[in-house]
């Protein structure tokens, strides 16, 4: 049985945060990351990049989540 490791959990949480942020942008034109860290500040850009890399990671390991 495959268990999720720390990297799996981290990428999953980051992808969920990114998805929720995009939902807020789409529904209310409200970017939570930009509100907290500044619009296109270095920190917000790092967060956006981490969310994107997390999504790419999840594309390649999605089968691991489906296995029992």
N, C-alpha and C. Protein backbone atom coordinates (compact mmCIF):
# COMPACT_ATOMS: atom_id res chain seq x y z
N UNK A 1 0.84 -1.17 0.00
CA UNK A 1 0.00 0.00 0.00
C UNK A 1 0.89 1.25 0.00
N UNK A 2 0.59 2.17 -0.88
CA UNK A 2 1.35 3.41 -0.97
C UNK A 2 0.75 4.47 -0.05
N UNK A 3 1.60 5.03 0.77
CA UNK A 3 1.16 6.10 1.64
C UNK A 3 1.72 7.41 1.10
N UNK A 4 1.04 8.49 1.44
CA UNK A 4 1.50 9.80 1.01
C UNK A 4 2.67 10.24 1.88
N UNK A 5 3.72 10.73 1.22
CA UNK A 5 4.86 11.24 1.98
C UNK A 5 4.72 12.74 2.17
N UNK A 6 5.68 13.35 2.80
CA UNK A 6 5.61 14.79 3.08
C UNK A 6 5.51 15.65 1.84
N UNK A 7 6.25 15.27 0.80
CA UNK A 7 6.19 16.03 -0.45
C UNK A 7 4.81 15.93 -1.08
N UNK A 8 4.21 14.74 -1.05
CA UNK A 8 2.86 14.56 -1.59
C UNK A 8 1.86 15.46 -0.87
N UNK A 9 1.92 15.47 0.46
CA UNK A 9 1.00 16.30 1.24
C UNK A 9 1.21 17.78 0.97
N UNK A 10 2.48 18.19 0.90
CA UNK A 10 2.79 19.60 0.66
C UNK A 10 2.25 20.04 -0.69
N UNK A 11 2.50 19.24 -1.73
CA UNK A 11 2.03 19.62 -3.05
C UNK A 11 0.51 19.59 -3.13
N UNK A 12 -0.10 18.64 -2.46
CA UNK A 12 -1.56 18.58 -2.45
C UNK A 12 -2.16 19.81 -1.78
N UNK A 13 -1.62 20.21 -0.65
CA UNK A 13 -2.11 21.40 0.06
C UNK A 13 -1.90 22.66 -0.79
N UNK A 14 -0.72 22.79 -1.40
CA UNK A 14 -0.46 23.96 -2.24
C UNK A 14 -1.40 24.01 -3.45
N UNK A 15 -1.67 22.86 -4.05
CA UNK A 15 -2.59 22.83 -5.19
C UNK A 15 -4.01 23.19 -4.76
N UNK A 16 -4.42 22.75 -3.60
CA UNK A 16 -5.75 23.10 -3.08
C UNK A 16 -5.83 24.60 -2.79
N UNK A 17 -4.79 25.14 -2.17
CA UNK A 17 -4.76 26.59 -1.91
C UNK A 17 -4.84 27.35 -3.22
N UNK A 18 -4.08 26.92 -4.22
CA UNK A 18 -4.12 27.57 -5.53
C UNK A 18 -5.49 27.48 -6.17
N UNK A 19 -6.13 26.33 -6.06
CA UNK A 19 -7.46 26.17 -6.63
C UNK A 19 -8.48 27.06 -5.93
N UNK A 20 -8.39 27.14 -4.62
CA UNK A 20 -9.30 28.02 -3.88
C UNK A 20 -9.06 29.49 -4.24
N UNK A 21 -7.80 29.86 -4.39
CA UNK A 21 -7.49 31.23 -4.78
C UNK A 21 -8.06 31.55 -6.15
N UNK A 22 -7.92 30.62 -7.11
CA UNK A 22 -8.50 30.85 -8.44
C UNK A 22 -10.01 30.91 -8.39
N UNK A 23 -10.62 30.14 -7.51
CA UNK A 23 -12.06 30.21 -7.33
C UNK A 23 -12.49 31.58 -6.84
N UNK A 24 -11.74 32.12 -5.90
CA UNK A 24 -12.03 33.47 -5.40
C UNK A 24 -11.85 34.52 -6.50
N UNK A 25 -10.80 34.35 -7.30
CA UNK A 25 -10.57 35.28 -8.41
C UNK A 25 -11.72 35.20 -9.40
N UNK A 26 -12.14 34.00 -9.74
CA UNK A 26 -13.21 33.83 -10.72
C UNK A 26 -14.56 34.31 -10.23
N UNK A 27 -14.87 34.05 -8.98
CA UNK A 27 -16.18 34.42 -8.45
C UNK A 27 -16.28 35.88 -8.01
N UNK A 28 -15.22 36.36 -7.38
CA UNK A 28 -15.31 37.67 -6.73
C UNK A 28 -14.23 38.67 -7.17
N UNK A 29 -13.39 38.27 -8.13
CA UNK A 29 -12.25 39.11 -8.54
C UNK A 29 -11.40 39.48 -7.32
N UNK A 30 -11.20 38.51 -6.44
CA UNK A 30 -10.45 38.73 -5.20
C UNK A 30 -9.29 37.75 -5.16
N UNK A 31 -8.07 38.27 -5.22
CA UNK A 31 -6.87 37.44 -5.18
C UNK A 31 -6.32 37.47 -3.75
N UNK A 32 -6.57 36.39 -3.02
CA UNK A 32 -6.17 36.32 -1.61
C UNK A 32 -4.65 36.39 -1.45
N UNK A 33 -3.92 35.72 -2.31
CA UNK A 33 -2.45 35.74 -2.22
C UNK A 33 -1.94 37.17 -2.40
N UNK A 34 -2.45 37.87 -3.40
CA UNK A 34 -2.03 39.25 -3.63
C UNK A 34 -2.43 40.15 -2.47
N UNK A 35 -3.59 39.89 -1.89
CA UNK A 35 -4.05 40.69 -0.77
C UNK A 35 -3.14 40.52 0.45
N UNK A 36 -2.72 39.29 0.69
CA UNK A 36 -1.88 39.01 1.87
C UNK A 36 -0.43 39.43 1.65
N UNK A 37 0.12 39.11 0.47
CA UNK A 37 1.55 39.29 0.25
C UNK A 37 1.91 40.43 -0.70
N UNK A 38 0.91 41.09 -1.28
CA UNK A 38 1.17 42.18 -2.21
C UNK A 38 1.05 41.69 -3.65
N UNK A 39 0.55 42.56 -4.48
CA UNK A 39 0.35 42.22 -5.88
C UNK A 39 1.69 42.08 -6.60
N UNK A 40 1.97 40.89 -7.03
CA UNK A 40 3.20 40.54 -7.75
C UNK A 40 4.47 40.89 -6.97
N UNK A 41 4.39 40.81 -5.64
CA UNK A 41 5.60 40.96 -4.83
C UNK A 41 6.44 39.70 -5.01
N UNK A 42 7.65 39.75 -4.56
CA UNK A 42 8.53 38.59 -4.67
C UNK A 42 7.91 37.39 -3.97
N UNK A 43 7.37 37.61 -2.79
CA UNK A 43 6.78 36.51 -2.02
C UNK A 43 5.55 35.93 -2.71
N UNK A 44 4.69 36.79 -3.23
CA UNK A 44 3.50 36.27 -3.92
C UNK A 44 3.89 35.51 -5.19
N UNK A 45 4.90 35.98 -5.89
CA UNK A 45 5.36 35.27 -7.10
C UNK A 45 5.95 33.91 -6.73
N UNK A 46 6.65 33.84 -5.62
CA UNK A 46 7.19 32.55 -5.16
C UNK A 46 6.04 31.60 -4.86
N UNK A 47 5.00 32.09 -4.21
CA UNK A 47 3.84 31.25 -3.91
C UNK A 47 3.18 30.77 -5.19
N UNK A 48 2.99 31.67 -6.16
CA UNK A 48 2.40 31.26 -7.44
C UNK A 48 3.24 30.19 -8.13
N UNK A 49 4.56 30.35 -8.10
CA UNK A 49 5.45 29.35 -8.72
C UNK A 49 5.35 28.02 -7.98
N UNK A 50 5.34 28.05 -6.65
CA UNK A 50 5.23 26.81 -5.87
C UNK A 50 3.91 26.09 -6.15
N UNK A 51 2.83 26.85 -6.30
CA UNK A 51 1.53 26.25 -6.63
C UNK A 51 1.60 25.60 -8.01
N UNK A 52 2.20 26.28 -8.97
CA UNK A 52 2.34 25.73 -10.31
C UNK A 52 3.20 24.48 -10.35
N UNK A 53 4.31 24.50 -9.66
CA UNK A 53 5.19 23.32 -9.60
C UNK A 53 4.47 22.17 -8.89
N UNK A 54 3.71 22.49 -7.87
CA UNK A 54 2.93 21.46 -7.16
C UNK A 54 1.92 20.80 -8.09
N UNK A 55 1.26 21.61 -8.91
CA UNK A 55 0.30 21.06 -9.86
C UNK A 55 0.99 20.14 -10.87
N UNK A 56 2.15 20.54 -11.35
CA UNK A 56 2.90 19.68 -12.28
C UNK A 56 3.31 18.37 -11.61
N UNK A 57 3.78 18.46 -10.38
CA UNK A 57 4.14 17.26 -9.64
C UNK A 57 2.95 16.32 -9.52
N UNK A 58 1.79 16.88 -9.19
CA UNK A 58 0.59 16.06 -9.02
C UNK A 58 0.14 15.41 -10.32
N UNK A 59 0.37 16.08 -11.45
CA UNK A 59 0.05 15.48 -12.75
C UNK A 59 0.81 14.17 -12.93
N UNK A 60 2.05 14.14 -12.49
CA UNK A 60 2.89 12.96 -12.70
C UNK A 60 2.69 11.88 -11.64
N UNK A 61 2.14 12.21 -10.50
CA UNK A 61 1.97 11.20 -9.45
C UNK A 61 0.51 10.93 -9.12
N UNK A 62 -0.40 11.37 -9.97
CA UNK A 62 -1.82 11.21 -9.67
C UNK A 62 -2.21 9.73 -9.49
N UNK A 63 -1.55 8.83 -10.16
CA UNK A 63 -1.84 7.41 -10.02
C UNK A 63 -1.57 6.91 -8.60
N UNK A 64 -0.61 7.49 -7.94
CA UNK A 64 -0.28 7.11 -6.58
C UNK A 64 -1.46 7.36 -5.64
N UNK A 65 -2.24 8.41 -5.91
CA UNK A 65 -3.39 8.74 -5.07
C UNK A 65 -4.56 7.80 -5.31
N UNK A 66 -4.62 7.21 -6.49
CA UNK A 66 -5.75 6.35 -6.84
C UNK A 66 -5.55 4.90 -6.37
N UNK A 67 -4.31 4.49 -6.16
CA UNK A 67 -4.04 3.11 -5.75
C UNK A 67 -4.37 2.87 -4.29
N UNK A 68 -4.77 1.64 -4.03
CA UNK A 68 -5.04 1.25 -2.64
C UNK A 68 -3.85 0.58 -2.05
